[in-house]
Amino acid sequence: MSTLFSVTASNAGQIGIIAGIIVFVLLFFKIIIGFIKFCFRHPILFIILLLCGGLGFFFSLAVGGALILAVVVGGFAMFVMNGFDN
């Protein structure tokens, strides 16, 4: 799979995808650590959110935001590495 990817994608595309993956992984681990800290700092609110289903909603919203930011950063890196050529 990696050899096929290296043949079909340009250098700018590869750098853009790698930049997006790095941003997503960093933000994902930051979200996980933030939720663990939230659980220990606010145990009553955590239990209420857990019972009402709001914790999953907030986590999904945060992961979606991280994914959107990763796509934007990857796309911007690919755009810049393309050299603005048409």
Protein backbone atom coordinates (compact mmCIF):
# COMPACT_ATOMS: atom_id res chain seq x y z
CA MET A 1 0.00 0.00 0.00
CA SER A 2 2.78 2.44 0.84
CA THR A 3 4.55 1.82 -2.47
CA LEU A 4 1.33 2.45 -4.35
CA PHE A 5 0.78 5.63 -2.34
CA SER A 6 4.30 6.89 -3.06
CA VAL A 7 3.85 6.27 -6.80
CA THR A 8 0.41 7.82 -7.23
CA ALA A 9 0.62 10.87 -4.95
CA SER A 10 2.81 13.87 -5.60
CA ASN A 11 5.28 15.16 -3.03
CA ALA A 12 2.93 17.98 -2.09
CA GLY A 13 0.08 15.52 -1.61
CA GLN A 14 2.17 13.25 0.57
CA ILE A 15 3.38 16.14 2.74
CA GLY A 16 -0.17 17.47 3.06
CA ILE A 17 -1.52 14.08 4.13
CA ILE A 18 1.32 13.54 6.60
CA ALA A 19 0.80 17.04 8.07
CA GLY A 20 -2.92 16.33 8.48
CA ILE A 21 -2.26 12.99 10.17
CA ILE A 22 0.25 14.55 12.57
CA VAL A 23 -2.17 17.36 13.52
CA PHE A 24 -5.03 14.90 14.04
CA VAL A 25 -2.96 12.55 16.22
CA LEU A 26 -1.69 15.43 18.37
CA LEU A 27 -5.17 16.91 18.83
CA PHE A 28 -6.71 13.50 19.50
CA PHE A 29 -4.29 12.76 22.33
CA LYS A 30 -4.82 16.27 23.68
CA ILE A 31 -8.58 15.63 23.74
CA ILE A 32 -8.10 12.30 25.55
CA ILE A 33 -5.83 13.89 28.18
CA GLY A 34 -8.27 16.79 28.59
CA PHE A 35 -11.17 14.41 29.22
CA ILE A 36 -9.17 12.45 31.78
CA LYS A 37 -8.32 15.70 33.61
CA PHE A 38 -11.98 16.75 33.39
CA CYS A 39 -13.06 13.46 34.97
CA PHE A 40 -10.82 14.00 37.99
CA ARG A 41 -11.50 17.73 38.44
CA HIS A 42 -15.30 17.60 38.14
CA PRO A 43 -16.51 14.13 39.18
CA ILE A 44 -20.15 15.11 39.79
CA LEU A 45 -20.52 16.88 36.43
CA PHE A 46 -18.72 13.98 34.74
CA ILE A 47 -21.18 11.46 36.21
CA ILE A 48 -24.18 13.60 35.18
CA LEU A 49 -22.86 13.94 31.62
CA LEU A 50 -22.07 10.24 31.50
CA LEU A 51 -25.56 9.26 32.61
CA CYS A 52 -27.32 11.73 30.29
CA GLY A 53 -25.24 10.94 27.21
CA GLY A 54 -23.71 14.39 26.96
CA LEU A 55 -20.15 13.17 27.42
CA GLY A 56 -20.24 11.16 24.19
CA PHE A 57 -21.72 14.13 22.36
CA PHE A 58 -18.97 16.47 23.57
CA PHE A 59 -16.29 13.91 22.72
CA SER A 60 -17.69 13.40 19.21
CA LEU A 61 -17.87 17.15 18.71
CA ALA A 62 -14.25 17.58 19.84
CA VAL A 63 -12.98 14.75 17.62
CA GLY A 64 -14.92 16.20 14.69
CA GLY A 65 -13.33 19.58 15.30
CA ALA A 66 -9.88 17.98 15.44
CA LEU A 67 -10.57 16.16 12.18
CA ILE A 68 -11.72 19.35 10.45
CA LEU A 69 -8.62 21.20 11.66
CA ALA A 70 -6.37 18.36 10.47
CA VAL A 71 -7.96 18.43 7.01
CA VAL A 72 -7.56 22.21 6.78
CA VAL A 73 -3.89 22.06 7.85
CA GLY A 74 -3.16 19.18 5.46
CA GLY A 75 -4.90 20.94 2.59
CA PHE A 76 -3.06 24.18 3.30
CA ALA A 77 0.28 22.34 3.41
CA MET A 78 -0.51 20.66 0.10
CA PHE A 79 -1.56 24.00 -1.42
CA VAL A 80 1.62 25.73 -0.26
CA MET A 81 3.88 22.86 -1.36
CA ASN A 82 2.30 22.90 -4.81
CA GLY A 83 4.01 26.24 -5.42
CA PHE A 84 0.82 28.04 -6.53
CA ASP A 85 1.23 26.59 -10.04
CA ASN A 86 -1.70 25.98 -12.32
